[in-house]
N, C-alpha and C. Protein backbone atom coordinates (compact mmCIF):
# COMPACT_ATOMS: atom_id res chain seq x y z
N MET A 1 -11.36 4.97 25.02
CA MET A 1 -10.14 4.50 24.38
C MET A 1 -9.15 4.11 25.48
N GLN A 2 -8.56 2.94 25.33
CA GLN A 2 -7.52 2.46 26.24
C GLN A 2 -6.25 2.22 25.45
N GLU A 3 -5.12 2.53 26.07
CA GLU A 3 -3.83 2.34 25.42
C GLU A 3 -2.88 1.68 26.39
N PHE A 4 -2.20 0.62 25.95
CA PHE A 4 -1.24 -0.03 26.83
C PHE A 4 -0.19 -0.78 26.00
N PRO A 5 1.01 -0.97 26.58
CA PRO A 5 2.07 -1.69 25.86
C PRO A 5 1.77 -3.18 25.83
N LEU A 6 2.32 -3.85 24.83
CA LEU A 6 2.16 -5.29 24.68
C LEU A 6 3.36 -5.97 25.35
N SER A 7 3.10 -6.97 26.17
CA SER A 7 4.17 -7.70 26.86
C SER A 7 4.97 -8.53 25.86
N LYS A 8 6.16 -8.95 26.26
CA LYS A 8 6.99 -9.80 25.40
C LYS A 8 6.26 -11.09 25.03
N LYS A 9 5.56 -11.67 26.00
CA LYS A 9 4.80 -12.90 25.77
C LYS A 9 3.71 -12.66 24.72
N ASP A 10 2.97 -11.56 24.85
CA ASP A 10 1.92 -11.24 23.89
C ASP A 10 2.49 -10.87 22.52
N ARG A 11 3.66 -10.27 22.49
CA ARG A 11 4.32 -9.99 21.21
C ARG A 11 4.63 -11.29 20.47
N ARG A 12 5.18 -12.26 21.21
CA ARG A 12 5.50 -13.56 20.58
C ARG A 12 4.24 -14.23 20.06
N LYS A 13 3.17 -14.18 20.83
CA LYS A 13 1.90 -14.79 20.43
C LYS A 13 1.36 -14.12 19.16
N LEU A 14 1.41 -12.78 19.12
CA LEU A 14 0.94 -12.04 17.95
C LEU A 14 1.82 -12.35 16.73
N ALA A 15 3.12 -12.38 16.93
CA ALA A 15 4.04 -12.67 15.83
C ALA A 15 3.78 -14.07 15.25
N ARG A 16 3.55 -15.05 16.12
CA ARG A 16 3.23 -16.41 15.65
C ARG A 16 1.92 -16.43 14.86
N ALA A 17 0.95 -15.63 15.30
CA ALA A 17 -0.36 -15.61 14.64
C ALA A 17 -0.28 -15.09 13.21
N ILE A 18 0.69 -14.22 12.92
CA ILE A 18 0.74 -13.61 11.59
C ILE A 18 1.96 -14.02 10.75
N GLU A 19 2.85 -14.84 11.29
CA GLU A 19 4.09 -15.13 10.57
C GLU A 19 3.87 -15.78 9.20
N ASN A 20 2.79 -16.52 9.01
CA ASN A 20 2.51 -17.10 7.69
C ASN A 20 2.01 -16.06 6.71
N ASN A 21 1.45 -14.97 7.23
CA ASN A 21 0.93 -13.91 6.37
C ASN A 21 1.99 -12.90 5.98
N CYS A 22 2.89 -12.59 6.93
CA CYS A 22 3.88 -11.55 6.68
C CYS A 22 5.06 -11.74 7.63
N LYS A 23 6.08 -12.44 7.17
CA LYS A 23 7.25 -12.74 8.01
C LYS A 23 7.96 -11.46 8.46
N ASP A 24 8.02 -10.45 7.57
CA ASP A 24 8.70 -9.20 7.92
C ASP A 24 8.03 -8.52 9.11
N LEU A 25 6.71 -8.51 9.12
CA LEU A 25 6.00 -7.88 10.23
C LEU A 25 6.18 -8.68 11.52
N ALA A 26 6.14 -9.99 11.42
CA ALA A 26 6.35 -10.83 12.60
C ALA A 26 7.71 -10.53 13.22
N SER A 27 8.74 -10.40 12.39
CA SER A 27 10.08 -10.06 12.89
C SER A 27 10.09 -8.66 13.49
N ALA A 28 9.41 -7.73 12.85
CA ALA A 28 9.37 -6.35 13.34
C ALA A 28 8.70 -6.27 14.71
N ILE A 29 7.66 -7.05 14.92
CA ILE A 29 6.97 -7.05 16.21
C ILE A 29 7.91 -7.53 17.31
N LEU A 30 8.69 -8.55 17.01
CA LEU A 30 9.61 -9.10 18.01
C LEU A 30 10.78 -8.18 18.30
N SER A 31 11.23 -7.43 17.31
CA SER A 31 12.42 -6.59 17.49
C SER A 31 12.10 -5.11 17.75
N ALA A 32 10.85 -4.72 17.72
CA ALA A 32 10.47 -3.31 17.88
C ALA A 32 10.81 -2.79 19.27
N ASP A 33 11.12 -1.51 19.33
CA ASP A 33 11.35 -0.87 20.62
C ASP A 33 10.05 -0.80 21.43
N GLU A 34 8.95 -0.56 20.71
CA GLU A 34 7.67 -0.40 21.41
C GLU A 34 6.53 -0.97 20.55
N VAL A 35 5.71 -1.79 21.17
CA VAL A 35 4.49 -2.29 20.54
C VAL A 35 3.35 -1.96 21.50
N LYS A 36 2.39 -1.16 21.01
CA LYS A 36 1.26 -0.74 21.83
C LYS A 36 -0.05 -1.21 21.22
N ILE A 37 -1.02 -1.35 22.08
CA ILE A 37 -2.39 -1.67 21.67
C ILE A 37 -3.27 -0.49 22.06
N ILE A 38 -4.12 -0.08 21.15
CA ILE A 38 -5.13 0.93 21.45
C ILE A 38 -6.47 0.26 21.25
N LYS A 39 -7.24 0.13 22.33
CA LYS A 39 -8.58 -0.45 22.26
C LYS A 39 -9.58 0.69 22.17
N THR A 40 -10.52 0.55 21.23
CA THR A 40 -11.52 1.59 21.04
C THR A 40 -12.78 1.01 20.40
N LYS A 41 -13.79 1.84 20.33
CA LYS A 41 -15.03 1.48 19.64
C LYS A 41 -15.23 2.48 18.52
N ILE A 42 -15.40 1.97 17.31
CA ILE A 42 -15.62 2.82 16.15
C ILE A 42 -16.97 2.43 15.57
N GLY A 43 -17.95 3.29 15.74
CA GLY A 43 -19.32 2.92 15.37
C GLY A 43 -19.75 1.79 16.27
N GLU A 44 -20.19 0.69 15.68
CA GLU A 44 -20.59 -0.49 16.45
C GLU A 44 -19.45 -1.50 16.58
N ARG A 45 -18.31 -1.19 15.99
CA ARG A 45 -17.19 -2.12 15.98
C ARG A 45 -16.25 -1.87 17.16
N ARG A 46 -15.94 -2.92 17.90
CA ARG A 46 -14.92 -2.86 18.97
C ARG A 46 -13.63 -3.42 18.37
N ILE A 47 -12.62 -2.56 18.29
CA ILE A 47 -11.37 -2.97 17.67
C ILE A 47 -10.18 -2.62 18.56
N SER A 48 -9.07 -3.27 18.27
CA SER A 48 -7.79 -2.92 18.87
C SER A 48 -6.84 -2.65 17.72
N ILE A 49 -6.10 -1.56 17.83
CA ILE A 49 -5.12 -1.21 16.82
C ILE A 49 -3.74 -1.47 17.41
N VAL A 50 -2.91 -2.20 16.68
CA VAL A 50 -1.56 -2.53 17.12
C VAL A 50 -0.60 -1.55 16.46
N LEU A 51 0.11 -0.78 17.29
CA LEU A 51 1.12 0.15 16.81
C LEU A 51 2.50 -0.47 17.03
N VAL A 52 3.26 -0.62 15.98
CA VAL A 52 4.62 -1.16 16.07
C VAL A 52 5.56 0.02 15.83
N ASP A 53 6.26 0.42 16.88
CA ASP A 53 7.09 1.63 16.84
C ASP A 53 6.30 2.80 16.25
N MET A 54 5.11 2.99 16.76
CA MET A 54 4.18 4.07 16.41
C MET A 54 3.63 3.98 14.98
N PHE A 55 3.80 2.85 14.30
CA PHE A 55 3.22 2.64 12.98
C PHE A 55 1.98 1.77 13.13
N PRO A 56 0.82 2.23 12.63
CA PRO A 56 -0.41 1.43 12.74
C PRO A 56 -0.34 0.21 11.82
N ALA A 57 -0.03 -0.95 12.40
CA ALA A 57 0.23 -2.14 11.60
C ALA A 57 -0.94 -3.09 11.48
N LEU A 58 -1.58 -3.39 12.61
CA LEU A 58 -2.62 -4.42 12.62
C LEU A 58 -3.88 -3.94 13.33
N ILE A 59 -4.97 -4.61 13.00
CA ILE A 59 -6.25 -4.39 13.68
C ILE A 59 -6.72 -5.74 14.17
N VAL A 60 -7.19 -5.76 15.40
CA VAL A 60 -7.76 -6.99 15.96
C VAL A 60 -9.24 -6.72 16.20
N GLU A 61 -10.07 -7.55 15.59
CA GLU A 61 -11.52 -7.42 15.74
C GLU A 61 -12.10 -8.83 15.84
N ARG A 62 -12.76 -9.09 16.94
CA ARG A 62 -13.27 -10.43 17.23
C ARG A 62 -12.16 -11.45 17.05
N ASP A 63 -12.35 -12.42 16.17
CA ASP A 63 -11.35 -13.47 15.96
C ASP A 63 -10.36 -13.14 14.85
N TYR A 64 -10.47 -11.97 14.25
CA TYR A 64 -9.63 -11.62 13.11
C TYR A 64 -8.50 -10.69 13.51
N VAL A 65 -7.31 -11.00 13.01
CA VAL A 65 -6.16 -10.10 13.09
C VAL A 65 -5.86 -9.75 11.64
N PHE A 66 -5.99 -8.48 11.29
CA PHE A 66 -5.77 -8.11 9.91
C PHE A 66 -4.93 -6.85 9.78
N PRO A 67 -4.23 -6.70 8.65
CA PRO A 67 -3.34 -5.56 8.46
C PRO A 67 -4.12 -4.28 8.18
N THR A 68 -3.52 -3.17 8.53
CA THR A 68 -4.12 -1.90 8.14
C THR A 68 -3.81 -1.68 6.66
N ILE A 69 -4.55 -0.80 6.05
CA ILE A 69 -4.29 -0.45 4.66
C ILE A 69 -2.90 0.16 4.53
N TYR A 70 -2.45 0.85 5.59
CA TYR A 70 -1.12 1.46 5.59
C TYR A 70 -0.03 0.38 5.53
N LEU A 71 -0.26 -0.73 6.20
CA LEU A 71 0.74 -1.81 6.21
C LEU A 71 0.82 -2.49 4.86
N ILE A 72 -0.32 -2.85 4.27
CA ILE A 72 -0.26 -3.61 3.01
C ILE A 72 0.18 -2.74 1.84
N ARG A 73 0.32 -1.45 2.07
CA ARG A 73 0.93 -0.60 1.04
C ARG A 73 2.45 -0.67 1.11
N ARG A 74 2.97 -1.19 2.22
CA ARG A 74 4.43 -1.27 2.40
C ARG A 74 4.99 -2.68 2.29
N VAL A 75 4.21 -3.67 2.68
CA VAL A 75 4.67 -5.05 2.64
C VAL A 75 3.61 -5.93 1.98
N THR A 76 4.04 -7.10 1.53
CA THR A 76 3.10 -8.04 0.90
C THR A 76 2.47 -8.91 1.97
N TRP A 77 1.16 -8.96 1.97
CA TRP A 77 0.39 -9.79 2.89
C TRP A 77 -0.13 -10.97 2.09
N LYS A 78 0.01 -12.16 2.65
CA LYS A 78 -0.53 -13.35 2.00
C LYS A 78 -1.60 -13.93 2.90
N PRO A 79 -2.67 -14.41 2.39
CA PRO A 79 -3.07 -14.49 0.99
C PRO A 79 -3.56 -13.14 0.46
N TYR A 80 -3.72 -13.08 -0.86
CA TYR A 80 -4.17 -11.86 -1.50
C TYR A 80 -4.96 -12.19 -2.76
N VAL A 81 -5.69 -11.19 -3.24
CA VAL A 81 -6.33 -11.27 -4.54
C VAL A 81 -6.04 -9.97 -5.27
N ILE A 82 -6.09 -10.04 -6.57
CA ILE A 82 -5.95 -8.85 -7.40
C ILE A 82 -7.26 -8.68 -8.16
N VAL A 83 -7.79 -7.46 -8.10
CA VAL A 83 -9.08 -7.18 -8.75
C VAL A 83 -8.87 -6.21 -9.91
N ASP A 84 -9.82 -6.23 -10.86
CA ASP A 84 -9.72 -5.33 -12.01
C ASP A 84 -10.04 -3.89 -11.60
N LYS A 85 -9.82 -2.97 -12.52
CA LYS A 85 -9.97 -1.54 -12.22
C LYS A 85 -11.37 -1.18 -11.74
N GLY A 86 -12.37 -1.69 -12.40
CA GLY A 86 -13.76 -1.38 -12.01
C GLY A 86 -14.06 -1.86 -10.60
N ALA A 87 -13.62 -3.06 -10.28
CA ALA A 87 -13.84 -3.60 -8.94
C ALA A 87 -13.00 -2.85 -7.92
N ALA A 88 -11.77 -2.50 -8.29
CA ALA A 88 -10.88 -1.80 -7.35
C ALA A 88 -11.49 -0.48 -6.89
N ASP A 89 -12.10 0.25 -7.80
CA ASP A 89 -12.73 1.53 -7.44
C ASP A 89 -13.84 1.31 -6.43
N ARG A 90 -14.67 0.31 -6.65
CA ARG A 90 -15.80 0.05 -5.75
C ARG A 90 -15.33 -0.52 -4.41
N VAL A 91 -14.40 -1.48 -4.46
CA VAL A 91 -13.88 -2.10 -3.23
C VAL A 91 -13.17 -1.04 -2.39
N GLY A 92 -12.45 -0.14 -3.04
CA GLY A 92 -11.76 0.94 -2.35
C GLY A 92 -12.71 1.94 -1.71
N SER A 93 -13.99 1.81 -2.00
CA SER A 93 -15.01 2.66 -1.38
C SER A 93 -15.87 1.87 -0.40
N GLY A 94 -15.52 0.60 -0.16
CA GLY A 94 -16.22 -0.18 0.84
C GLY A 94 -17.04 -1.35 0.35
N ALA A 95 -17.15 -1.53 -0.97
CA ALA A 95 -17.93 -2.65 -1.50
C ALA A 95 -17.20 -3.97 -1.25
N HIS A 96 -17.95 -5.04 -1.20
CA HIS A 96 -17.37 -6.38 -1.07
C HIS A 96 -16.83 -6.81 -2.43
N VAL A 97 -15.94 -7.80 -2.42
CA VAL A 97 -15.33 -8.29 -3.66
C VAL A 97 -16.21 -9.40 -4.23
N MET A 98 -16.62 -9.21 -5.46
CA MET A 98 -17.42 -10.20 -6.16
C MET A 98 -16.50 -11.01 -7.08
N VAL A 99 -16.83 -12.26 -7.30
CA VAL A 99 -15.99 -13.17 -8.09
C VAL A 99 -15.64 -12.60 -9.47
N PRO A 100 -16.59 -12.04 -10.24
CA PRO A 100 -16.22 -11.57 -11.58
C PRO A 100 -15.15 -10.48 -11.60
N GLY A 101 -14.96 -9.74 -10.50
CA GLY A 101 -13.96 -8.68 -10.45
C GLY A 101 -12.56 -9.16 -10.15
N ILE A 102 -12.40 -10.42 -9.79
CA ILE A 102 -11.09 -10.95 -9.43
C ILE A 102 -10.35 -11.41 -10.68
N VAL A 103 -9.11 -10.90 -10.86
CA VAL A 103 -8.31 -11.30 -12.02
C VAL A 103 -7.18 -12.26 -11.65
N GLU A 104 -6.81 -12.29 -10.36
CA GLU A 104 -5.76 -13.20 -9.91
C GLU A 104 -5.98 -13.52 -8.44
N VAL A 105 -5.72 -14.78 -8.10
CA VAL A 105 -5.83 -15.22 -6.71
C VAL A 105 -4.45 -15.69 -6.27
N GLY A 106 -3.97 -15.16 -5.15
CA GLY A 106 -2.65 -15.51 -4.63
C GLY A 106 -2.62 -16.91 -4.05
N PRO A 107 -1.69 -17.14 -3.11
CA PRO A 107 -1.51 -18.47 -2.51
C PRO A 107 -2.81 -19.04 -1.93
N ASP A 108 -2.82 -20.37 -1.81
CA ASP A 108 -3.99 -21.06 -1.26
C ASP A 108 -4.49 -20.43 0.03
N PHE A 109 -5.80 -20.34 0.14
CA PHE A 109 -6.42 -19.91 1.38
C PHE A 109 -7.79 -20.54 1.49
N ASN A 110 -8.27 -20.61 2.70
CA ASN A 110 -9.58 -21.18 2.99
C ASN A 110 -10.56 -20.07 3.31
N LYS A 111 -11.80 -20.47 3.41
CA LYS A 111 -12.86 -19.57 3.84
C LYS A 111 -12.50 -19.05 5.24
N ASP A 112 -12.88 -17.81 5.53
CA ASP A 112 -12.65 -17.14 6.82
C ASP A 112 -11.22 -16.68 7.04
N LYS A 113 -10.37 -16.68 6.03
CA LYS A 113 -9.01 -16.16 6.16
C LYS A 113 -8.99 -14.70 5.75
N VAL A 114 -8.12 -13.93 6.39
CA VAL A 114 -7.94 -12.52 6.05
C VAL A 114 -7.17 -12.45 4.74
N VAL A 115 -7.66 -11.60 3.82
CA VAL A 115 -7.10 -11.50 2.47
C VAL A 115 -6.82 -10.03 2.15
N ALA A 116 -5.63 -9.75 1.65
CA ALA A 116 -5.31 -8.41 1.15
C ALA A 116 -5.87 -8.29 -0.26
N ILE A 117 -6.36 -7.12 -0.60
CA ILE A 117 -6.95 -6.89 -1.92
C ILE A 117 -6.15 -5.80 -2.62
N TYR A 118 -5.58 -6.14 -3.78
CA TYR A 118 -4.76 -5.22 -4.55
C TYR A 118 -5.41 -4.97 -5.91
N ASN A 119 -5.08 -3.80 -6.52
CA ASN A 119 -5.53 -3.56 -7.89
C ASN A 119 -4.51 -4.14 -8.86
N GLU A 120 -4.74 -3.99 -10.15
CA GLU A 120 -3.86 -4.59 -11.15
C GLU A 120 -2.46 -3.97 -11.16
N ASP A 121 -2.31 -2.78 -10.58
CA ASP A 121 -1.00 -2.14 -10.45
C ASP A 121 -0.30 -2.56 -9.16
N LYS A 122 -0.86 -3.54 -8.46
CA LYS A 122 -0.33 -4.07 -7.18
C LYS A 122 -0.38 -3.03 -6.06
N ARG A 123 -1.34 -2.11 -6.14
CA ARG A 123 -1.55 -1.10 -5.10
C ARG A 123 -2.64 -1.59 -4.17
N ALA A 124 -2.42 -1.46 -2.88
CA ALA A 124 -3.40 -1.93 -1.89
C ALA A 124 -4.71 -1.17 -2.02
N VAL A 125 -5.80 -1.92 -2.01
CA VAL A 125 -7.14 -1.34 -2.13
C VAL A 125 -7.92 -1.52 -0.83
N ALA A 126 -7.85 -2.71 -0.25
CA ALA A 126 -8.63 -3.01 0.95
C ALA A 126 -8.14 -4.31 1.58
N VAL A 127 -8.75 -4.62 2.71
CA VAL A 127 -8.50 -5.88 3.42
C VAL A 127 -9.87 -6.49 3.69
N GLY A 128 -9.97 -7.79 3.50
CA GLY A 128 -11.26 -8.44 3.73
C GLY A 128 -11.10 -9.83 4.29
N VAL A 129 -12.23 -10.47 4.48
CA VAL A 129 -12.23 -11.86 4.96
C VAL A 129 -12.89 -12.71 3.88
N ALA A 130 -12.25 -13.83 3.55
CA ALA A 130 -12.71 -14.70 2.47
C ALA A 130 -14.03 -15.37 2.83
N LEU A 131 -14.97 -15.27 1.93
CA LEU A 131 -16.26 -15.96 2.07
C LEU A 131 -16.25 -17.27 1.28
N MET A 132 -15.20 -17.43 0.47
CA MET A 132 -14.99 -18.64 -0.33
C MET A 132 -13.51 -18.99 -0.25
N SER A 133 -13.18 -20.26 -0.43
CA SER A 133 -11.78 -20.66 -0.51
C SER A 133 -11.24 -20.28 -1.89
N LYS A 134 -9.94 -20.39 -2.06
CA LYS A 134 -9.33 -20.11 -3.36
C LYS A 134 -9.94 -21.02 -4.42
N ASP A 135 -10.09 -22.29 -4.11
CA ASP A 135 -10.65 -23.24 -5.08
C ASP A 135 -12.07 -22.86 -5.48
N GLU A 136 -12.88 -22.47 -4.50
CA GLU A 136 -14.26 -22.07 -4.80
C GLU A 136 -14.30 -20.83 -5.69
N ILE A 137 -13.41 -19.89 -5.43
CA ILE A 137 -13.35 -18.67 -6.26
C ILE A 137 -12.98 -19.04 -7.69
N MET A 138 -11.98 -19.91 -7.84
CA MET A 138 -11.51 -20.31 -9.17
C MET A 138 -12.60 -21.05 -9.96
N LYS A 139 -13.46 -21.81 -9.29
CA LYS A 139 -14.51 -22.58 -9.96
C LYS A 139 -15.77 -21.76 -10.20
N SER A 140 -15.99 -20.76 -9.37
CA SER A 140 -17.24 -20.00 -9.43
C SER A 140 -17.18 -18.92 -10.51
N ARG A 141 -18.35 -18.55 -10.99
CA ARG A 141 -18.44 -17.47 -11.96
C ARG A 141 -19.14 -16.24 -11.38
N ARG A 142 -19.73 -16.41 -10.20
CA ARG A 142 -20.44 -15.28 -9.61
C ARG A 142 -20.50 -15.46 -8.09
N GLY A 143 -20.94 -14.40 -7.44
CA GLY A 143 -21.09 -14.46 -6.00
C GLY A 143 -20.11 -13.55 -5.26
N LYS A 144 -20.38 -13.38 -3.98
CA LYS A 144 -19.54 -12.56 -3.12
C LYS A 144 -18.39 -13.43 -2.62
N ALA A 145 -17.16 -13.03 -2.92
CA ALA A 145 -15.98 -13.82 -2.56
C ALA A 145 -15.31 -13.35 -1.28
N ILE A 146 -15.29 -12.02 -1.06
CA ILE A 146 -14.58 -11.46 0.08
C ILE A 146 -15.40 -10.32 0.68
N ARG A 147 -15.57 -10.40 2.01
CA ARG A 147 -16.27 -9.32 2.74
C ARG A 147 -15.24 -8.27 3.11
N ASN A 148 -15.51 -7.03 2.75
CA ASN A 148 -14.61 -5.92 3.01
C ASN A 148 -14.59 -5.59 4.50
N LEU A 149 -13.40 -5.58 5.11
CA LEU A 149 -13.25 -5.23 6.52
C LEU A 149 -12.71 -3.82 6.72
N HIS A 150 -11.82 -3.39 5.79
CA HIS A 150 -11.09 -2.14 6.00
C HIS A 150 -10.59 -1.62 4.65
N TYR A 151 -10.77 -0.32 4.42
CA TYR A 151 -10.31 0.30 3.17
C TYR A 151 -9.90 1.74 3.46
N LYS A 152 -9.16 2.34 2.55
CA LYS A 152 -8.67 3.71 2.75
C LYS A 152 -9.86 4.67 2.85
N GLY A 153 -9.83 5.49 3.87
CA GLY A 153 -10.88 6.49 4.05
C GLY A 153 -12.03 6.03 4.91
N ASP A 154 -12.00 4.79 5.41
CA ASP A 154 -13.09 4.33 6.28
C ASP A 154 -12.92 4.94 7.68
N LYS A 155 -13.83 4.59 8.59
CA LYS A 155 -13.80 5.17 9.94
C LYS A 155 -12.55 4.78 10.70
N ILE A 156 -12.02 3.59 10.43
CA ILE A 156 -10.78 3.17 11.08
C ILE A 156 -9.63 4.07 10.65
N CYS A 157 -9.53 4.36 9.36
CA CYS A 157 -8.48 5.25 8.85
C CYS A 157 -8.60 6.64 9.46
N LYS A 158 -9.83 7.12 9.55
CA LYS A 158 -10.04 8.45 10.15
C LYS A 158 -9.62 8.46 11.61
N PHE A 159 -9.90 7.39 12.34
CA PHE A 159 -9.48 7.29 13.74
C PHE A 159 -7.97 7.27 13.85
N ILE A 160 -7.32 6.45 13.02
CA ILE A 160 -5.85 6.37 13.04
C ILE A 160 -5.23 7.72 12.72
N THR A 161 -5.77 8.41 11.73
CA THR A 161 -5.28 9.74 11.38
C THR A 161 -5.41 10.70 12.57
N SER A 162 -6.52 10.60 13.29
CA SER A 162 -6.74 11.50 14.44
C SER A 162 -5.72 11.23 15.57
N LEU A 163 -5.17 10.02 15.64
CA LEU A 163 -4.17 9.71 16.66
C LEU A 163 -2.87 10.48 16.44
N PHE A 164 -2.58 10.76 15.19
CA PHE A 164 -1.29 11.37 14.85
C PHE A 164 -1.38 12.83 14.45
N THR A 165 -2.54 13.43 14.62
CA THR A 165 -2.67 14.87 14.32
C THR A 165 -3.01 15.66 15.55
């Protein structure tokens, strides 16, 4: 595990990368007293966790920058989908999002975009990467729409919890 502060230049770059997804977080990154990166390996995954004033906000894995489940419980991340209760239970345990479980699709997004996944009560369930665009999801009746990247209780959550205990 490596831990180091993020430079002002890297903060601006990170803020620009996510400002379309969450303007509040982009502003917080720029104005925070401290932004740190923790690089680690969890299972076979090499990830970096971005702490904004000691709050686990983002995860960087390969080409994806995505919010932690803790972040999307506090702020709205765009794009997003809302899934029904049956799907929410399974997705919250690590399953991928299938088209029939989606009840609402948020703002336009393309394939390979990071998507927040909420239940019908607007409670964060997971974060994933779109395998279909919004249009494809709306036209399709079946298939895998979103690959699950992170959910409450996964190994990433356990690692984050271990940082603060």
